[in-house]
N, C-alpha and C. Protein backbone atom coordinates (compact mmCIF):
# COMPACT_ATOMS: atom_id res chain seq x y z
N UNK A 1 5.66 -0.71 15.39
CA UNK A 1 4.66 0.16 15.46
C UNK A 1 3.96 -0.24 14.54
N UNK A 2 3.36 -1.83 15.10
CA UNK A 2 2.04 -1.93 14.21
C UNK A 2 1.12 -2.54 15.78
N UNK A 3 -0.25 -2.02 14.50
CA UNK A 3 -1.23 -1.82 15.22
C UNK A 3 -2.30 -2.87 15.18
N UNK A 4 -2.84 -3.22 16.12
CA UNK A 4 -4.24 -4.30 15.60
C UNK A 4 -4.98 -3.84 14.79
N UNK A 5 -6.37 -4.36 14.14
CA UNK A 5 -7.22 -3.91 12.97
C UNK A 5 -7.79 -3.37 14.05
N UNK A 6 -8.44 -3.23 15.34
CA UNK A 6 -9.57 -2.51 15.62
C UNK A 6 -8.62 -1.35 16.21
N UNK A 7 -7.56 -1.27 16.82
CA UNK A 7 -6.74 0.08 16.99
C UNK A 7 -7.10 0.57 15.49
N UNK A 8 -6.72 0.24 14.70
CA UNK A 8 -6.34 0.62 13.45
C UNK A 8 -7.76 1.56 13.04
N UNK A 9 -8.80 0.78 12.85
CA UNK A 9 -10.18 1.29 12.56
C UNK A 9 -10.95 2.50 13.68
N UNK A 10 -10.27 2.53 14.69
CA UNK A 10 -10.60 3.34 15.64
C UNK A 10 -9.92 4.67 15.18
N UNK A 11 -8.83 4.89 15.07
CA UNK A 11 -7.79 5.78 14.59
C UNK A 11 -8.17 6.16 12.95
N UNK A 12 -9.33 5.86 12.27
CA UNK A 12 -9.32 6.21 11.09
C UNK A 12 -10.47 6.41 10.46
N UNK A 13 -11.47 6.98 11.77
CA UNK A 13 -12.98 6.81 11.38
C UNK A 13 -13.22 7.78 10.91
N UNK A 14 -12.93 8.61 9.97
CA UNK A 14 -13.16 9.80 9.51
C UNK A 14 -13.44 9.74 7.62
N UNK A 15 -14.08 10.80 7.40
CA UNK A 15 -14.55 11.17 5.84
C UNK A 15 -13.49 11.74 5.10
N UNK A 16 -13.52 11.51 3.95
CA UNK A 16 -12.39 11.87 2.95
C UNK A 16 -12.28 13.41 3.12
N UNK A 17 -13.63 14.00 3.33
CA UNK A 17 -13.41 15.49 3.26
C UNK A 17 -12.76 16.22 4.54
N UNK A 18 -12.72 15.28 5.49
CA UNK A 18 -11.74 15.90 6.62
C UNK A 18 -10.24 15.93 6.76
N UNK A 19 -9.98 14.83 5.58
CA UNK A 19 -8.53 14.90 5.47
C UNK A 19 -7.80 15.66 5.25
N UNK A 20 -6.63 16.63 5.73
CA UNK A 20 -5.86 17.61 5.72
C UNK A 20 -4.73 17.19 5.99
N UNK A 21 -3.67 17.15 5.05
CA UNK A 21 -2.13 17.22 5.28
C UNK A 21 -1.65 18.35 6.53
N UNK A 22 -2.09 19.66 6.35
CA UNK A 22 -1.32 20.45 7.29
C UNK A 22 -1.62 20.26 8.88
N UNK A 23 -2.59 19.61 9.35
CA UNK A 23 -2.80 18.77 10.47
C UNK A 23 -2.41 17.51 10.96
N UNK A 24 -1.89 16.79 9.91
CA UNK A 24 -0.92 15.10 10.43
C UNK A 24 0.11 15.37 11.48
N UNK A 25 0.14 14.12 11.95
CA UNK A 25 1.34 13.82 13.04
C UNK A 25 1.59 12.77 12.80
N UNK A 26 2.81 12.48 13.16
CA UNK A 26 3.51 11.22 13.12
C UNK A 26 2.66 10.05 14.12
N UNK A 27 2.62 8.69 13.32
CA UNK A 27 1.98 8.09 13.78
C UNK A 27 0.41 7.58 13.53
N UNK A 28 -0.14 9.02 12.56
CA UNK A 28 -1.39 8.96 12.09
C UNK A 28 -1.17 7.91 11.14
N UNK A 29 -2.67 7.10 11.18
CA UNK A 29 -2.77 5.68 10.71
C UNK A 29 -3.97 5.69 9.57
N UNK A 30 -3.75 5.02 8.32
CA UNK A 30 -5.00 5.11 7.56
C UNK A 30 -5.29 3.33 7.38
N UNK A 31 -6.53 2.65 7.59
CA UNK A 31 -6.63 1.62 7.48
C UNK A 31 -7.46 1.86 6.25
N UNK A 32 -7.02 1.04 4.89
CA UNK A 32 -7.74 0.70 3.60
C UNK A 32 -8.24 -0.46 3.46
N UNK A 33 -8.53 -1.45 4.53
CA UNK A 33 -9.03 -2.40 4.53
C UNK A 33 -8.67 -4.03 3.78
N UNK A 34 -9.81 -4.56 3.58
CA UNK A 34 -8.88 -5.70 2.80
C UNK A 34 -9.20 -5.83 1.66
N UNK A 35 -8.25 -6.17 0.79
CA UNK A 35 -8.25 -6.30 -0.97
C UNK A 35 -8.34 -7.82 -1.01
N UNK A 36 -8.54 -8.22 -1.97
CA UNK A 36 -8.18 -9.52 -2.70
C UNK A 36 -7.75 -9.25 -4.21
N UNK A 37 -6.80 -9.90 -4.62
CA UNK A 37 -6.41 -10.01 -6.31
C UNK A 37 -7.48 -11.33 -6.78
N UNK A 38 -7.95 -11.66 -7.87
CA UNK A 38 -8.35 -12.43 -8.40
C UNK A 38 -7.33 -12.96 -9.12
N UNK A 39 -7.46 -14.12 -9.64
CA UNK A 39 -6.35 -15.08 -10.24
C UNK A 39 -6.41 -14.04 -11.86
N UNK A 40 -7.30 -13.43 -12.23
CA UNK A 40 -7.56 -12.80 -13.48
C UNK A 40 -6.88 -11.59 -13.65
N UNK A 41 -7.15 -10.76 -12.27
CA UNK A 41 -6.30 -9.49 -12.31
C UNK A 41 -4.96 -9.86 -12.17
N UNK A 42 -4.33 -10.64 -11.56
CA UNK A 42 -3.12 -11.22 -10.92
C UNK A 42 -2.16 -11.17 -12.41
N UNK A 43 -3.20 -12.37 -13.05
CA UNK A 43 -2.48 -12.52 -14.74
C UNK A 43 -2.50 -11.47 -15.45
N UNK A 44 -3.57 -10.96 -15.44
CA UNK A 44 -3.58 -9.45 -16.40
C UNK A 44 -2.46 -8.46 -16.07
N UNK A 45 -2.38 -7.71 -14.48
CA UNK A 45 -1.25 -7.06 -14.15
C UNK A 45 0.29 -7.46 -14.61
N UNK A 46 0.38 -9.03 -14.27
CA UNK A 46 1.90 -9.17 -14.48
C UNK A 46 2.14 -9.25 -16.12
N UNK A 47 0.96 -9.71 -16.99
CA UNK A 47 1.27 -9.88 -18.18
C UNK A 47 2.16 -8.47 -18.96
N UNK A 48 1.29 -7.29 -18.26
CA UNK A 48 1.64 -6.24 -18.64
C UNK A 48 2.86 -5.61 -17.92
N UNK A 49 3.14 -6.07 -16.60
CA UNK A 49 4.62 -5.17 -15.89
C UNK A 49 5.38 -6.50 -15.41
N UNK A 50 5.08 -7.34 -15.40
CA UNK A 50 5.76 -8.49 -14.82
C UNK A 50 6.01 -10.10 -15.51
N UNK A 51 5.86 -10.26 -16.44
CA UNK A 51 5.23 -11.45 -17.19
C UNK A 51 6.65 -12.82 -16.95
N UNK A 52 6.80 -13.01 -15.65
CA UNK A 52 6.85 -14.46 -15.37
C UNK A 52 6.16 -15.52 -15.21
N UNK A 53 6.61 -16.80 -14.86
CA UNK A 53 5.47 -17.81 -15.22
C UNK A 53 4.67 -18.12 -13.88
N UNK A 54 5.35 -17.93 -12.99
CA UNK A 54 4.50 -18.16 -11.56
C UNK A 54 3.34 -17.07 -11.76
N UNK A 55 3.60 -15.95 -12.30
CA UNK A 55 2.54 -14.98 -12.31
C UNK A 55 1.31 -15.05 -13.41
N UNK A 56 1.68 -15.67 -14.59
CA UNK A 56 0.83 -15.54 -15.89
C UNK A 56 0.64 -17.03 -16.55
N UNK A 57 1.08 -18.34 -16.03
CA UNK A 57 1.19 -19.23 -16.46
C UNK A 57 0.65 -20.33 -15.36
N UNK A 58 -0.65 -20.59 -14.99
CA UNK A 58 -1.22 -21.90 -14.16
C UNK A 58 -0.33 -22.92 -14.15
N UNK A 59 -0.57 -23.42 -15.19
CA UNK A 59 0.45 -24.94 -15.22
C UNK A 59 2.31 -24.92 -14.57
N UNK A 60 2.42 -23.86 -15.53
CA UNK A 60 4.13 -23.62 -15.12
C UNK A 60 4.05 -23.19 -13.55
N UNK A 61 3.15 -22.38 -13.23
CA UNK A 61 3.43 -21.83 -11.82
C UNK A 61 2.70 -23.21 -10.77
N UNK A 62 1.89 -23.86 -11.15
CA UNK A 62 1.76 -25.10 -9.97
C UNK A 62 3.20 -26.08 -9.77
N UNK A 63 4.38 -25.72 -11.05
CA UNK A 63 5.67 -26.56 -10.59
C UNK A 63 6.69 -25.45 -9.90
N UNK A 64 6.16 -24.40 -9.84
CA UNK A 64 7.05 -23.49 -9.10
C UNK A 64 7.27 -23.63 -7.78
N UNK A 65 7.98 -22.89 -7.03
CA UNK A 65 8.23 -22.87 -5.82
C UNK A 65 7.12 -22.33 -5.21
N UNK A 66 6.34 -21.79 -5.71
CA UNK A 66 5.27 -21.38 -5.07
C UNK A 66 4.02 -22.00 -5.25
N UNK A 67 4.23 -23.25 -6.10
CA UNK A 67 3.05 -24.07 -5.98
C UNK A 67 1.79 -23.37 -6.54
N UNK A 68 1.78 -22.31 -7.30
CA UNK A 68 0.44 -21.83 -7.78
C UNK A 68 0.99 -20.49 -8.47
N UNK A 69 -0.03 -19.42 -8.89
CA UNK A 69 -0.01 -18.30 -9.25
C UNK A 69 -0.40 -17.56 -8.14
N UNK A 70 0.88 -16.63 -8.26
CA UNK A 70 1.19 -15.51 -6.86
C UNK A 70 0.84 -14.13 -8.13
N UNK A 71 0.96 -13.22 -6.92
CA UNK A 71 0.80 -11.69 -7.35
C UNK A 71 1.90 -11.11 -7.89
N UNK A 72 2.13 -10.27 -8.75
CA UNK A 72 3.24 -9.85 -9.00
C UNK A 72 3.69 -8.94 -7.42
N UNK A 73 5.08 -8.63 -6.98
CA UNK A 73 5.60 -7.52 -6.37
C UNK A 73 4.65 -6.63 -6.37
N UNK A 74 4.73 -5.90 -7.35
CA UNK A 74 3.90 -4.46 -6.84
C UNK A 74 2.55 -4.39 -7.34
N UNK A 75 1.67 -5.69 -7.58
CA UNK A 75 0.16 -5.49 -7.68
C UNK A 75 -0.31 -4.88 -6.69
N UNK A 76 -0.40 -5.35 -5.40
CA UNK A 76 -0.65 -5.17 -4.35
C UNK A 76 -0.86 -3.69 -3.92
N UNK A 77 0.69 -3.17 -3.95
CA UNK A 77 0.90 -1.76 -3.61
C UNK A 77 -0.16 -0.87 -4.62
N UNK A 78 0.20 -1.35 -5.94
CA UNK A 78 -0.17 -0.45 -7.20
C UNK A 78 -1.87 -0.28 -6.70
N UNK A 79 -2.27 -1.43 -6.61
CA UNK A 79 -4.04 -1.38 -6.35
C UNK A 79 -4.54 -0.14 -5.53
N UNK A 80 -3.91 -0.71 -4.35
CA UNK A 80 -4.19 -0.04 -2.91
C UNK A 80 -3.90 1.36 -2.95
N UNK A 81 -2.68 1.82 -3.05
CA UNK A 81 -2.44 3.39 -3.63
C UNK A 81 -3.26 3.92 -4.68
N UNK A 82 -3.20 3.09 -6.02
CA UNK A 82 -4.41 3.78 -7.36
C UNK A 82 -5.90 4.31 -6.51
N UNK A 83 -6.68 2.90 -5.79
CA UNK A 83 -7.51 3.01 -5.71
C UNK A 83 -7.83 3.61 -3.99
N UNK A 84 -6.95 3.62 -3.30
CA UNK A 84 -7.77 4.28 -1.97
C UNK A 84 -6.57 5.33 -1.47
N UNK A 85 -5.12 5.22 -1.36
CA UNK A 85 -4.44 6.43 -1.27
C UNK A 85 -4.69 7.66 -2.14
N UNK A 86 -4.48 7.36 -3.53
CA UNK A 86 -4.46 8.77 -4.39
C UNK A 86 -6.27 9.67 -4.48
N UNK A 87 -7.13 8.80 -4.36
CA UNK A 87 -8.38 9.53 -3.94
C UNK A 87 -8.67 10.03 -2.80
N UNK A 88 -7.71 10.02 -1.87
CA UNK A 88 -7.83 10.82 -0.58
C UNK A 88 -6.95 11.98 -0.55
N UNK A 89 -5.42 11.81 -1.12
CA UNK A 89 -4.52 12.66 -1.21
C UNK A 89 -4.07 13.48 -2.60
N UNK A 90 -4.60 13.10 -3.80
CA UNK A 90 -4.05 13.35 -4.86
C UNK A 90 -4.18 14.81 -5.05
N UNK A 91 -5.13 15.71 -4.26
CA UNK A 91 -5.09 17.55 -4.97
C UNK A 91 -3.98 17.87 -3.83
N UNK A 92 -3.17 17.04 -2.75
CA UNK A 92 -2.38 17.63 -2.09
C UNK A 92 -0.80 17.66 -2.31
N UNK A 93 -0.84 16.14 -3.42
CA UNK A 93 0.56 16.23 -3.74
C UNK A 93 1.26 16.85 -4.79
N UNK A 94 2.39 17.48 -4.76
CA UNK A 94 3.40 18.04 -5.26
C UNK A 94 4.15 17.43 -6.08
N UNK A 95 4.84 16.24 -5.61
CA UNK A 95 5.65 15.11 -6.33
C UNK A 95 6.07 14.24 -5.12
N UNK A 96 6.55 12.96 -5.83
CA UNK A 96 7.49 11.86 -5.24
C UNK A 96 8.71 11.85 -4.81
N UNK A 97 9.07 11.56 -4.03
CA UNK A 97 10.54 11.72 -3.99
C UNK A 97 11.50 10.50 -3.99
N UNK A 98 11.07 9.46 -3.15
CA UNK A 98 11.63 8.44 -3.09
C UNK A 98 10.52 7.31 -2.40
N UNK A 99 11.31 6.03 -2.83
CA UNK A 99 10.45 4.78 -2.52
C UNK A 99 11.83 4.14 -1.90
N UNK A 100 11.47 3.47 -0.61
CA UNK A 100 12.89 2.89 0.26
C UNK A 100 11.68 1.54 1.27
N UNK A 101 12.69 0.84 1.33
CA UNK A 101 12.97 -0.74 2.00
C UNK A 101 11.34 -1.34 1.63
N UNK A 102 11.36 -1.47 0.33
CA UNK A 102 9.89 -2.72 -0.34
C UNK A 102 10.71 -3.65 -0.08
N UNK A 103 9.59 -4.41 0.74
CA UNK A 103 10.10 -5.87 0.91
C UNK A 103 8.59 -6.98 0.40
N UNK A 104 8.94 -7.73 -0.04
CA UNK A 104 8.12 -9.06 -0.31
C UNK A 104 8.33 -9.58 0.43
N UNK A 105 7.42 -10.08 1.45
CA UNK A 105 7.92 -10.89 2.40
C UNK A 105 7.55 -12.17 2.38
N UNK A 106 6.03 -12.60 1.89
CA UNK A 106 5.46 -13.52 1.54
C UNK A 106 4.27 -13.32 0.27
N UNK A 107 4.30 -14.64 -0.75
CA UNK A 107 3.63 -14.06 -2.02
C UNK A 107 2.34 -14.19 -1.11
N UNK A 108 1.19 -13.55 -2.35
CA UNK A 108 0.25 -12.99 -2.23
C UNK A 108 -0.53 -14.17 -3.48
N UNK A 109 -1.74 -14.73 -3.01
CA UNK A 109 -2.16 -15.73 -3.70
C UNK A 109 -3.50 -14.92 -4.35
N UNK A 110 -4.26 -15.65 -5.28
CA UNK A 110 -5.62 -15.11 -6.00
C UNK A 110 -6.31 -15.50 -4.77
N UNK A 111 -7.11 -14.38 -4.61
CA UNK A 111 -8.55 -14.24 -3.91
C UNK A 111 -8.04 -14.05 -1.97
N UNK A 112 -6.36 -13.97 -2.11
CA UNK A 112 -6.38 -13.89 -0.81
C UNK A 112 -6.59 -12.71 0.06
N UNK A 113 -7.15 -12.54 1.42
CA UNK A 113 -7.52 -11.30 1.64
C UNK A 113 -6.31 -10.86 2.34
N UNK A 114 -6.27 -9.52 1.96
CA UNK A 114 -4.85 -8.72 2.90
C UNK A 114 -5.54 -7.69 3.03
N UNK A 115 -4.91 -7.11 4.32
CA UNK A 115 -5.32 -6.15 5.07
C UNK A 115 -4.02 -5.06 5.05
N UNK A 116 -5.08 -3.75 4.53
CA UNK A 116 -3.81 -2.86 4.38
C UNK A 116 -4.03 -1.37 4.73
N UNK A 117 -2.94 -0.99 5.60
CA UNK A 117 -2.60 0.15 6.55
C UNK A 117 -1.38 0.97 5.92
N UNK A 118 -1.44 2.24 5.82
CA UNK A 118 -0.75 3.11 5.68
C UNK A 118 -0.52 4.03 6.67
N UNK A 119 0.66 4.30 7.12
CA UNK A 119 0.99 5.08 8.50
C UNK A 119 2.08 6.10 8.16
N UNK A 120 1.87 7.46 8.90
CA UNK A 120 2.56 8.17 8.52
C UNK A 120 3.83 8.36 9.64
N UNK A 121 5.18 7.94 9.29
CA UNK A 121 6.15 7.66 10.27
C UNK A 121 7.03 9.32 10.12
N UNK A 122 7.16 9.98 9.55
CA UNK A 122 7.54 11.01 9.73
C UNK A 122 6.99 12.32 8.84
N UNK A 123 7.41 13.49 9.67
CA UNK A 123 7.22 14.75 8.64
C UNK A 123 7.65 16.04 9.10
N UNK A 124 8.04 16.60 7.90
CA UNK A 124 8.97 17.54 7.68
C UNK A 124 8.39 18.88 7.00
N UNK A 125 7.85 19.42 8.18
CA UNK A 125 7.37 21.00 7.28
C UNK A 125 8.15 22.28 7.07
N UNK A 126 7.57 22.73 5.82
CA UNK A 126 8.28 23.70 5.51
C UNK A 126 7.20 24.91 5.13
N UNK A 127 6.74 25.63 6.46
CA UNK A 127 5.78 26.85 6.38
C UNK A 127 6.13 27.64 5.27
N UNK A 128 7.12 28.16 5.23
CA UNK A 128 7.65 29.15 4.75
C UNK A 128 7.08 29.35 2.70
N UNK A 129 7.60 27.59 2.56
CA UNK A 129 7.43 27.08 1.13
C UNK A 129 5.87 26.27 1.01
N UNK A 130 5.05 26.31 2.27
CA UNK A 130 3.83 25.87 2.14
C UNK A 130 3.53 24.56 1.45
N UNK A 131 5.04 23.22 2.10
CA UNK A 131 4.44 22.19 1.73
C UNK A 131 4.95 21.43 3.33
N UNK A 132 4.68 19.93 3.06
CA UNK A 132 5.57 19.23 3.65
C UNK A 132 5.71 17.79 3.34
N UNK A 133 6.92 17.33 3.68
CA UNK A 133 7.13 16.13 3.37
C UNK A 133 6.72 14.80 4.04
N UNK A 134 6.65 13.94 3.69
CA UNK A 134 5.84 12.89 4.67
C UNK A 134 6.30 11.53 4.14
N UNK A 135 6.95 10.29 4.89
CA UNK A 135 7.17 9.55 4.94
C UNK A 135 6.05 8.83 5.32
N UNK A 136 5.28 7.77 4.16
CA UNK A 136 4.33 7.09 4.31
C UNK A 136 4.60 5.26 4.34
N UNK A 137 4.01 4.64 5.03
CA UNK A 137 4.51 3.59 4.96
C UNK A 137 3.30 2.42 5.07
N UNK A 138 3.37 1.85 3.84
CA UNK A 138 2.35 0.81 3.68
C UNK A 138 2.55 -0.42 4.12
N UNK A 139 1.73 -1.25 4.76
CA UNK A 139 2.03 -2.56 5.45
C UNK A 139 0.78 -3.26 4.98
N UNK A 140 1.28 -4.44 4.53
CA UNK A 140 0.22 -5.27 4.37
C UNK A 140 0.00 -6.56 4.96
N UNK A 141 -1.02 -6.98 5.30
CA UNK A 141 -0.63 -8.41 6.44
C UNK A 141 -1.97 -9.16 5.70
N UNK A 142 -1.50 -10.66 5.94
CA UNK A 142 -2.75 -11.66 6.19
C UNK A 142 -3.56 -11.62 6.94
N UNK A 143 -4.50 -12.76 6.78
CA UNK A 143 -5.42 -13.28 7.75
C UNK A 143 -4.73 -13.80 8.93
N UNK A 144 -3.44 -13.96 8.69
CA UNK A 144 -3.01 -14.67 10.36
C UNK A 144 -2.04 -13.49 10.84
N UNK A 145 -1.85 -12.38 10.37
CA UNK A 145 -1.44 -10.96 11.06
C UNK A 145 -0.36 -10.96 10.48
N UNK A 146 0.25 -11.90 9.71
CA UNK A 146 1.73 -11.64 9.32
C UNK A 146 1.69 -10.50 8.19
N UNK A 147 2.85 -10.03 8.27
CA UNK A 147 3.50 -8.97 7.18
C UNK A 147 3.78 -9.91 5.82
N UNK A 148 3.06 -9.31 4.76
CA UNK A 148 3.53 -10.19 3.53
C UNK A 148 4.08 -9.01 2.64
N UNK A 149 4.21 -7.74 2.91
CA UNK A 149 4.62 -6.50 2.24
C UNK A 149 4.35 -5.60 2.88
N UNK A 150 5.45 -4.81 2.89
CA UNK A 150 6.02 -3.44 3.44
C UNK A 150 7.22 -2.41 2.57
N UNK A 151 6.51 -1.30 2.46
CA UNK A 151 7.50 -0.10 1.85
C UNK A 151 7.02 0.96 2.30
N UNK A 152 7.96 2.22 2.28
CA UNK A 152 7.75 3.41 2.39
C UNK A 152 8.27 4.31 1.36
N UNK A 153 7.33 5.14 1.54
CA UNK A 153 7.27 6.32 -0.23
C UNK A 153 7.23 7.89 0.80
N UNK A 154 8.27 8.28 0.27
CA UNK A 154 8.62 9.99 0.80
C UNK A 154 7.63 10.80 -0.43
N UNK A 155 6.72 11.85 0.02
CA UNK A 155 6.00 12.20 -0.92
C UNK A 155 5.49 14.00 -0.23
N UNK A 156 5.93 14.68 -1.20
CA UNK A 156 5.80 15.98 -0.98
C UNK A 156 4.61 16.58 -1.08
N UNK A 157 3.66 17.22 -0.01
CA UNK A 157 2.44 17.91 -0.42
C UNK A 157 2.67 19.28 -0.03
N UNK A 158 1.47 19.81 -0.78
CA UNK A 158 1.18 21.14 -0.06
C UNK A 158 0.56 21.48 0.86
N UNK A 159 0.39 22.33 1.49
CA UNK A 159 -0.09 22.47 2.96
C UNK A 159 -1.32 23.34 2.16
N UNK A 160 -2.73 22.83 2.53
CA UNK A 160 -4.12 23.72 2.29
C UNK A 160 -4.20 25.22 3.15
């Protein structure tokens, strides 16, 4: 279910005020655009949460398998989720249920443009209890349209 960038943008041309989980459908896609992580951002995040040498030490990173500093696996998801997903949906969230299939397929280097989309892959409605459980699939691709990271997150949302 991978779409090209033009198809993605055409499907997500709306404002935050128009977003309502009560009328979401499977296949709904949100285009979160391009995100860059600076070398300073990568080092700061990794120092706090994942202090491996290839994330925090430039000289050791040059000698590593990756030949340079790379982002911690959780960094791109954390940034996009915090800065783009949460502002849209935070008022609807009851709770997170699970994270599945988190795959780190290619390294993310400093200042590398990464395009992020989030797709609704399933919805289970419970009108009696006024909530829906949505499976959100995050996909991150590089400029060659190669998947660098993906994951799924199951979230319970209240129906407005």
